[in-house]
Amino acid sequence: MCEFDKIAVTMEVLCEIAMDGGRMLAERQRAIDALTLFRESLQTMEYISRKTDLDILRQRAGLYIQRMKSGAHISMSAV
């Protein structure tokens, strides 16, 4: 499996965790945070922002989207 495929699978799994209403809020937030490790995650973040069922997750993803688009370096520290 090439590096790109590994990243794509990882982002897909993190997206599934973020969108899973049966998981604890903290798990879902950490999945969104973990997506910031990948510069390729912008589309995934935008999907989460559009489709999530919780405003707090929408705001978290939206903040990361804004930072990514502005070129800011993002860490996984709490928002």
PDB file of N, CA and C in Angstrom:
ATOM      1  N   MET A   1       0.855  -1.175   0.000  1.00  0.00           N
ATOM      2  CA  MET A   1       0.000   0.000   0.000  1.00  0.00           C
ATOM      3  C   MET A   1       0.901   1.239   0.000  1.00  0.00           C
ATOM      4  N   CYS A   2       0.649   2.151  -0.916  1.00  0.00           N
ATOM      5  CA  CYS A   2       1.486   3.351  -1.004  1.00  0.00           C
ATOM      6  C   CYS A   2       1.100   4.357   0.086  1.00  0.00           C
ATOM      7  N   GLU A   3       1.967   5.325   0.293  1.00  0.00           N
ATOM      8  CA  GLU A   3       1.775   6.318   1.357  1.00  0.00           C
ATOM      9  C   GLU A   3       0.457   7.072   1.197  1.00  0.00           C
ATOM     10  N   PHE A   4       0.112   7.448  -0.043  1.00  0.00           N
ATOM     11  CA  PHE A   4      -1.135   8.175  -0.281  1.00  0.00           C
ATOM     12  C   PHE A   4      -2.343   7.342   0.126  1.00  0.00           C
ATOM     13  N   ASP A   5      -2.328   6.049  -0.186  1.00  0.00           N
ATOM     14  CA  ASP A   5      -3.434   5.170   0.183  1.00  0.00           C
ATOM     15  C   ASP A   5      -3.573   5.071   1.693  1.00  0.00           C
ATOM     16  N   LYS A   6      -2.459   5.003   2.395  1.00  0.00           N
ATOM     17  CA  LYS A   6      -2.491   4.925   3.859  1.00  0.00           C
ATOM     18  C   LYS A   6      -3.107   6.188   4.452  1.00  0.00           C
ATOM     19  N   ILE A   7      -2.721   7.323   3.910  1.00  0.00           N
ATOM     20  CA  ILE A   7      -3.270   8.589   4.395  1.00  0.00           C
ATOM     21  C   ILE A   7      -4.764   8.665   4.100  1.00  0.00           C
ATOM     22  N   ALA A   8      -5.174   8.259   2.911  1.00  0.00           N
ATOM     23  CA  ALA A   8      -6.591   8.290   2.539  1.00  0.00           C
ATOM     24  C   ALA A   8      -7.420   7.399   3.453  1.00  0.00           C
ATOM     25  N   VAL A   9      -6.926   6.208   3.751  1.00  0.00           N
ATOM     26  CA  VAL A   9      -7.639   5.286   4.640  1.00  0.00           C
ATOM     27  C   VAL A   9      -7.724   5.877   6.044  1.00  0.00           C
ATOM     28  N   THR A  10      -6.628   6.442   6.514  1.00  0.00           N
ATOM     29  CA  THR A  10      -6.606   7.045   7.849  1.00  0.00           C
ATOM     30  C   THR A  10      -7.609   8.189   7.942  1.00  0.00           C
ATOM     31  N   MET A  11      -7.639   9.053   6.937  1.00  0.00           N
ATOM     32  CA  MET A  11      -8.582  10.171   6.950  1.00  0.00           C
ATOM     33  C   MET A  11     -10.025   9.677   6.890  1.00  0.00           C
ATOM     34  N   GLU A  12     -10.271   8.617   6.136  1.00  0.00           N
ATOM     35  CA  GLU A  12     -11.618   8.054   6.056  1.00  0.00           C
ATOM     36  C   GLU A  12     -12.069   7.523   7.412  1.00  0.00           C
ATOM     37  N   VAL A  13     -11.181   6.821   8.102  1.00  0.00           N
ATOM     38  CA  VAL A  13     -11.506   6.278   9.424  1.00  0.00           C
ATOM     39  C   VAL A  13     -11.765   7.416  10.412  1.00  0.00           C
ATOM     40  N   LEU A  14     -10.924   8.437  10.394  1.00  0.00           N
ATOM     41  CA  LEU A  14     -11.118   9.572  11.297  1.00  0.00           C
ATOM     42  C   LEU A  14     -12.428  10.301  10.996  1.00  0.00           C
ATOM     43  N   CYS A  15     -12.780  10.414   9.738  1.00  0.00           N
ATOM     44  CA  CYS A  15     -14.053  11.030   9.359  1.00  0.00           C
ATOM     45  C   CYS A  15     -15.225  10.209   9.891  1.00  0.00           C
ATOM     46  N   GLU A  16     -15.138   8.900   9.759  1.00  0.00           N
ATOM     47  CA  GLU A  16     -16.199   8.026  10.269  1.00  0.00           C
ATOM     48  C   GLU A  16     -16.358   8.184  11.776  1.00  0.00           C
ATOM     49  N   ILE A  17     -15.244   8.288  12.490  1.00  0.00           N
ATOM     50  CA  ILE A  17     -15.306   8.486  13.943  1.00  0.00           C
ATOM     51  C   ILE A  17     -15.960   9.832  14.258  1.00  0.00           C
ATOM     52  N   ALA A  18     -15.548  10.882  13.553  1.00  0.00           N
ATOM     53  CA  ALA A  18     -16.100  12.218  13.794  1.00  0.00           C
ATOM     54  C   ALA A  18     -17.597  12.278  13.514  1.00  0.00           C
ATOM     55  N   MET A  19     -18.068  11.483  12.578  1.00  0.00           N
ATOM     56  CA  MET A  19     -19.477  11.520  12.188  1.00  0.00           C
ATOM     57  C   MET A  19     -20.348  10.517  12.944  1.00  0.00           C
ATOM     58  N   ASP A  20     -19.761   9.672  13.766  1.00  0.00           N
ATOM     59  CA  ASP A  20     -20.482   8.608  14.466  1.00  0.00           C
ATOM     60  C   ASP A  20     -21.191   9.159  15.701  1.00  0.00           C
ATOM     61  N   GLY A  21     -22.489   9.311  15.604  1.00  0.00           N
ATOM     62  CA  GLY A  21     -23.290   9.837  16.706  1.00  0.00           C
ATOM     63  C   GLY A  21     -23.318   8.960  17.938  1.00  0.00           C
ATOM     64  N   GLY A  22     -22.886   7.722  17.818  1.00  0.00           N
ATOM     65  CA  GLY A  22     -22.851   6.810  18.955  1.00  0.00           C
ATOM     66  C   GLY A  22     -21.592   6.936  19.795  1.00  0.00           C
ATOM     67  N   ARG A  23     -20.656   7.741  19.342  1.00  0.00           N
ATOM     68  CA  ARG A  23     -19.398   7.922  20.082  1.00  0.00           C
ATOM     69  C   ARG A  23     -19.491   9.135  21.002  1.00  0.00           C
ATOM     70  N   MET A  24     -18.616   9.138  21.998  1.00  0.00           N
ATOM     71  CA  MET A  24     -18.561  10.271  22.921  1.00  0.00           C
ATOM     72  C   MET A  24     -18.082  11.517  22.176  1.00  0.00           C
ATOM     73  N   LEU A  25     -18.532  12.670  22.631  1.00  0.00           N
ATOM     74  CA  LEU A  25     -18.148  13.937  22.012  1.00  0.00           C
ATOM     75  C   LEU A  25     -16.631  14.098  21.974  1.00  0.00           C
ATOM     76  N   ALA A  26     -15.958  13.752  23.057  1.00  0.00           N
ATOM     77  CA  ALA A  26     -14.495  13.907  23.110  1.00  0.00           C
ATOM     78  C   ALA A  26     -13.805  13.071  22.036  1.00  0.00           C
ATOM     79  N   GLU A  27     -14.308  11.863  21.779  1.00  0.00           N
ATOM     80  CA  GLU A  27     -13.729  11.018  20.722  1.00  0.00           C
ATOM     81  C   GLU A  27     -13.892  11.686  19.363  1.00  0.00           C
ATOM     82  N   ARG A  28     -15.059  12.225  19.145  1.00  0.00           N
ATOM     83  CA  ARG A  28     -15.349  12.864  17.867  1.00  0.00           C
ATOM     84  C   ARG A  28     -14.493  14.119  17.677  1.00  0.00           C
ATOM     85  N   GLN A  29     -14.301  14.871  18.751  1.00  0.00           N
ATOM     86  CA  GLN A  29     -13.446  16.055  18.681  1.00  0.00           C
ATOM     87  C   GLN A  29     -11.999  15.669  18.401  1.00  0.00           C
ATOM     88  N   ARG A  30     -11.512  14.627  19.057  1.00  0.00           N
ATOM     89  CA  ARG A  30     -10.125  14.187  18.846  1.00  0.00           C
ATOM     90  C   ARG A  30      -9.917  13.700  17.421  1.00  0.00           C
ATOM     91  N   ALA A  31     -10.940  13.093  16.827  1.00  0.00           N
ATOM     92  CA  ALA A  31     -10.826  12.653  15.432  1.00  0.00           C
ATOM     93  C   ALA A  31     -10.654  13.863  14.512  1.00  0.00           C
ATOM     94  N   ILE A  32     -11.410  14.923  14.777  1.00  0.00           N
ATOM     95  CA  ILE A  32     -11.267  16.149  13.987  1.00  0.00           C
ATOM     96  C   ILE A  32      -9.882  16.742  14.199  1.00  0.00           C
ATOM     97  N   ASP A  33      -9.432  16.770  15.447  1.00  0.00           N
ATOM     98  CA  ASP A  33      -8.086  17.277  15.740  1.00  0.00           C
ATOM     99  C   ASP A  33      -7.029  16.471  14.986  1.00  0.00           C
ATOM    100  N   ALA A  34      -7.186  15.156  14.986  1.00  0.00           N
ATOM    101  CA  ALA A  34      -6.200  14.285  14.335  1.00  0.00           C
ATOM    102  C   ALA A  34      -6.143  14.530  12.828  1.00  0.00           C
ATOM    103  N   LEU A  35      -7.240  14.915  12.237  1.00  0.00           N
ATOM    104  CA  LEU A  35      -7.243  15.204  10.801  1.00  0.00           C
ATOM    105  C   LEU A  35      -6.314  16.359  10.447  1.00  0.00           C
ATOM    106  N   THR A  36      -6.026  17.220  11.404  1.00  0.00           N
ATOM    107  CA  THR A  36      -5.149  18.359  11.121  1.00  0.00           C
ATOM    108  C   THR A  36      -3.718  17.925  10.843  1.00  0.00           C
ATOM    109  N   LEU A  37      -3.387  16.680  11.122  1.00  0.00           N
ATOM    110  CA  LEU A  37      -2.051  16.170  10.823  1.00  0.00           C
ATOM    111  C   LEU A  37      -1.805  16.062   9.321  1.00  0.00           C
ATOM    112  N   PHE A  38      -2.873  16.047   8.542  1.00  0.00           N
ATOM    113  CA  PHE A  38      -2.769  15.824   7.099  1.00  0.00           C
ATOM    114  C   PHE A  38      -3.193  17.071   6.337  1.00  0.00           C
ATOM    115  N   ARG A  39      -2.290  17.627   5.548  1.00  0.00           N
ATOM    116  CA  ARG A  39      -2.643  18.813   4.765  1.00  0.00           C
ATOM    117  C   ARG A  39      -3.700  18.486   3.714  1.00  0.00           C
ATOM    118  N   GLU A  40      -3.850  17.197   3.395  1.00  0.00           N
ATOM    119  CA  GLU A  40      -4.842  16.765   2.408  1.00  0.00           C
ATOM    120  C   GLU A  40      -6.256  16.693   2.988  1.00  0.00           C
ATOM    121  N   SER A  41      -6.431  17.008   4.257  1.00  0.00           N
ATOM    122  CA  SER A  41      -7.704  16.774   4.940  1.00  0.00           C
ATOM    123  C   SER A  41      -8.729  17.891   4.766  1.00  0.00           C
ATOM    124  N   LEU A  42      -8.434  18.914   4.000  1.00  0.00           N
ATOM    125  CA  LEU A  42      -9.348  20.049   3.871  1.00  0.00           C
ATOM    126  C   LEU A  42     -10.738  19.617   3.405  1.00  0.00           C
ATOM    127  N   GLN A  43     -10.821  18.786   2.378  1.00  0.00           N
ATOM    128  CA  GLN A  43     -12.132  18.331   1.890  1.00  0.00           C
ATOM    129  C   GLN A  43     -12.868  17.519   2.948  1.00  0.00           C
ATOM    130  N   THR A  44     -12.141  16.708   3.688  1.00  0.00           N
ATOM    131  CA  THR A  44     -12.757  15.907   4.745  1.00  0.00           C
ATOM    132  C   THR A  44     -13.306  16.818   5.835  1.00  0.00           C
ATOM    133  N   MET A  45     -12.545  17.832   6.213  1.00  0.00           N
ATOM    134  CA  MET A  45     -13.007  18.804   7.217  1.00  0.00           C
ATOM    135  C   MET A  45     -14.258  19.530   6.722  1.00  0.00           C
ATOM    136  N   GLU A  46     -14.267  19.907   5.458  1.00  0.00           N
ATOM    137  CA  GLU A  46     -15.431  20.597   4.899  1.00  0.00           C
ATOM    138  C   GLU A  46     -16.657  19.687   4.916  1.00  0.00           C
ATOM    139  N   TYR A  47     -16.469  18.412   4.621  1.00  0.00           N
ATOM    140  CA  TYR A  47     -17.568  17.451   4.677  1.00  0.00           C
ATOM    141  C   TYR A  47     -18.119  17.363   6.102  1.00  0.00           C
ATOM    142  N   ILE A  48     -17.229  17.224   7.073  1.00  0.00           N
ATOM    143  CA  ILE A  48     -17.656  17.138   8.473  1.00  0.00           C
ATOM    144  C   ILE A  48     -18.406  18.403   8.870  1.00  0.00           C
ATOM    145  N   SER A  49     -17.891  19.551   8.484  1.00  0.00           N
ATOM    146  CA  SER A  49     -18.525  20.820   8.817  1.00  0.00           C
ATOM    147  C   SER A  49     -19.944  20.915   8.252  1.00  0.00           C
ATOM    148  N   ARG A  50     -20.151  20.393   7.056  1.00  0.00           N
ATOM    149  CA  ARG A  50     -21.479  20.432   6.422  1.00  0.00           C
ATOM    150  C   ARG A  50     -22.439  19.406   7.007  1.00  0.00           C
ATOM    151  N   LYS A  51     -21.940  18.224   7.344  1.00  0.00           N
ATOM    152  CA  LYS A  51     -22.824  17.099   7.635  1.00  0.00           C
ATOM    153  C   LYS A  51     -22.973  16.726   9.109  1.00  0.00           C
ATOM    154  N   THR A  52     -22.136  17.254   9.984  1.00  0.00           N
ATOM    155  CA  THR A  52     -22.195  16.828  11.375  1.00  0.00           C
ATOM    156  C   THR A  52     -23.501  17.245  12.047  1.00  0.00           C
ATOM    157  N   ASP A  53     -23.879  16.504  13.072  1.00  0.00           N
ATOM    158  CA  ASP A  53     -25.129  16.757  13.775  1.00  0.00           C
ATOM    159  C   ASP A  53     -24.961  17.689  14.978  1.00  0.00           C
ATOM    160  N   LEU A  54     -23.735  18.058  15.316  1.00  0.00           N
ATOM    161  CA  LEU A  54     -23.489  18.903  16.487  1.00  0.00           C
ATOM    162  C   LEU A  54     -22.813  20.213  16.093  1.00  0.00           C
ATOM    163  N   ASP A  55     -23.343  21.314  16.610  1.00  0.00           N
ATOM    164  CA  ASP A  55     -22.763  22.624  16.309  1.00  0.00           C
ATOM    165  C   ASP A  55     -21.323  22.740  16.784  1.00  0.00           C
ATOM    166  N   ILE A  56     -21.007  22.161  17.937  1.00  0.00           N
ATOM    167  CA  ILE A  56     -19.647  22.274  18.464  1.00  0.00           C
ATOM    168  C   ILE A  56     -18.634  21.621  17.521  1.00  0.00           C
ATOM    169  N   LEU A  57     -19.025  20.517  16.887  1.00  0.00           N
ATOM    170  CA  LEU A  57     -18.134  19.862  15.926  1.00  0.00           C
ATOM    171  C   LEU A  57     -18.047  20.676  14.638  1.00  0.00           C
ATOM    172  N   ARG A  58     -19.161  21.261  14.249  1.00  0.00           N
ATOM    173  CA  ARG A  58     -19.182  22.114  13.049  1.00  0.00           C
ATOM    174  C   ARG A  58     -18.256  23.317  13.259  1.00  0.00           C
ATOM    175  N   GLN A  59     -18.331  23.916  14.443  1.00  0.00           N
ATOM    176  CA  GLN A  59     -17.476  25.065  14.749  1.00  0.00           C
ATOM    177  C   GLN A  59     -16.005  24.671  14.795  1.00  0.00           C
ATOM    178  N   ARG A  60     -15.715  23.515  15.386  1.00  0.00           N
ATOM    179  CA  ARG A  60     -14.328  23.042  15.492  1.00  0.00           C
ATOM    180  C   ARG A  60     -13.749  22.808  14.095  1.00  0.00           C
ATOM    181  N   ALA A  61     -14.498  22.089  13.261  1.00  0.00           N
ATOM    182  CA  ALA A  61     -14.038  21.827  11.896  1.00  0.00           C
ATOM    183  C   ALA A  61     -13.911  23.139  11.123  1.00  0.00           C
ATOM    184  N   GLY A  62     -14.875  24.038  11.309  1.00  0.00           N
ATOM    185  CA  GLY A  62     -14.837  25.325  10.624  1.00  0.00           C
ATOM    186  C   GLY A  62     -13.620  26.156  10.994  1.00  0.00           C
ATOM    187  N   LEU A  63     -13.248  26.122  12.263  1.00  0.00           N
ATOM    188  CA  LEU A  63     -12.064  26.852  12.707  1.00  0.00           C
ATOM    189  C   LEU A  63     -10.808  26.293  12.052  1.00  0.00           C
ATOM    190  N   TYR A  64     -10.706  24.967  12.009  1.00  0.00           N
ATOM    191  CA  TYR A  64      -9.545  24.348  11.365  1.00  0.00           C
ATOM    192  C   TYR A  64      -9.522  24.647   9.867  1.00  0.00           C
ATOM    193  N   ILE A  65     -10.678  24.635   9.229  1.00  0.00           N
ATOM    194  CA  ILE A  65     -10.759  24.960   7.799  1.00  0.00           C
ATOM    195  C   ILE A  65     -10.239  26.376   7.562  1.00  0.00           C
ATOM    196  N   GLN A  66     -10.705  27.308   8.378  1.00  0.00           N
ATOM    197  CA  GLN A  66     -10.274  28.698   8.251  1.00  0.00           C
ATOM    198  C   GLN A  66      -8.762  28.810   8.414  1.00  0.00           C
ATOM    199  N   ARG A  67      -8.222  28.132   9.408  1.00  0.00           N
ATOM    200  CA  ARG A  67      -6.779  28.189   9.651  1.00  0.00           C
ATOM    201  C   ARG A  67      -5.994  27.550   8.505  1.00  0.00           C
ATOM    202  N   MET A  68      -6.495  26.425   7.995  1.00  0.00           N
ATOM    203  CA  MET A  68      -5.803  25.740   6.902  1.00  0.00           C
ATOM    204  C   MET A  68      -5.792  26.612   5.645  1.00  0.00           C
ATOM    205  N   LYS A  69      -6.912  27.243   5.353  1.00  0.00           N
ATOM    206  CA  LYS A  69      -7.002  28.085   4.159  1.00  0.00           C
ATOM    207  C   LYS A  69      -6.134  29.333   4.270  1.00  0.00           C
ATOM    208  N   SER A  70      -5.912  29.788   5.493  1.00  0.00           N
ATOM    209  CA  SER A  70      -5.067  30.972   5.676  1.00  0.00           C
ATOM    210  C   SER A  70      -3.586  30.614   5.714  1.00  0.00           C
ATOM    211  N   GLY A  71      -3.295  29.318   5.671  1.00  0.00           N
ATOM    212  CA  GLY A  71      -1.906  28.878   5.642  1.00  0.00           C
ATOM    213  C   GLY A  71      -1.266  28.716   7.000  1.00  0.00           C
ATOM    214  N   ALA A  72      -2.066  28.781   8.052  1.00  0.00           N
ATOM    215  CA  ALA A  72      -1.524  28.647   9.405  1.00  0.00           C
ATOM    216  C   ALA A  72      -1.073  27.213   9.659  1.00  0.00           C
ATOM    217  N   HIS A  73      -0.030  27.093  10.463  1.00  0.00           N
ATOM    218  CA  HIS A  73       0.400  25.774  10.908  1.00  0.00           C
ATOM    219  C   HIS A  73      -0.503  25.375  12.058  1.00  0.00           C
ATOM    220  N   ILE A  74      -1.047  24.176  11.986  1.00  0.00           N
ATOM    221  CA  ILE A  74      -2.018  23.728  12.978  1.00  0.00           C
ATOM    222  C   ILE A  74      -1.399  22.638  13.827  1.00  0.00           C
ATOM    223  N   SER A  75      -1.597  22.757  15.125  1.00  0.00           N
ATOM    224  CA  SER A  75      -1.171  21.690  16.031  1.00  0.00           C
ATOM    225  C   SER A  75      -2.419  21.028  16.591  1.00  0.00           C
ATOM    226  N   MET A  76      -2.232  19.939  17.298  1.00  0.00           N
ATOM    227  CA  MET A  76      -3.381  19.230  17.856  1.00  0.00           C
ATOM    228  C   MET A  76      -3.716  19.709  19.260  1.00  0.00           C
ATOM    229  N   SER A  77      -3.282  20.883  19.652  1.00  0.00           N
ATOM    230  CA  SER A  77      -3.628  21.398  20.972  1.00  0.00           C
ATOM    231  C   SER A  77      -5.109  21.731  20.999  1.00  0.00           C
ATOM    232  N   ALA A  78      -5.661  21.746  22.191  1.00  0.00           N
ATOM    233  CA  ALA A  78      -7.094  21.992  22.344  1.00  0.00           C
ATOM    234  C   ALA A  78      -7.457  23.364  21.797  1.00  0.00           C
ATOM    235  N   VAL A  79      -8.628  23.423  21.206  1.00  0.00           N
ATOM    236  CA  VAL A  79      -9.123  24.675  20.630  1.00  0.00           C
ATOM    237  C   VAL A  79      -9.972  25.373  21.652  1.00  0.00           C
TER     238      VAL A  79
END
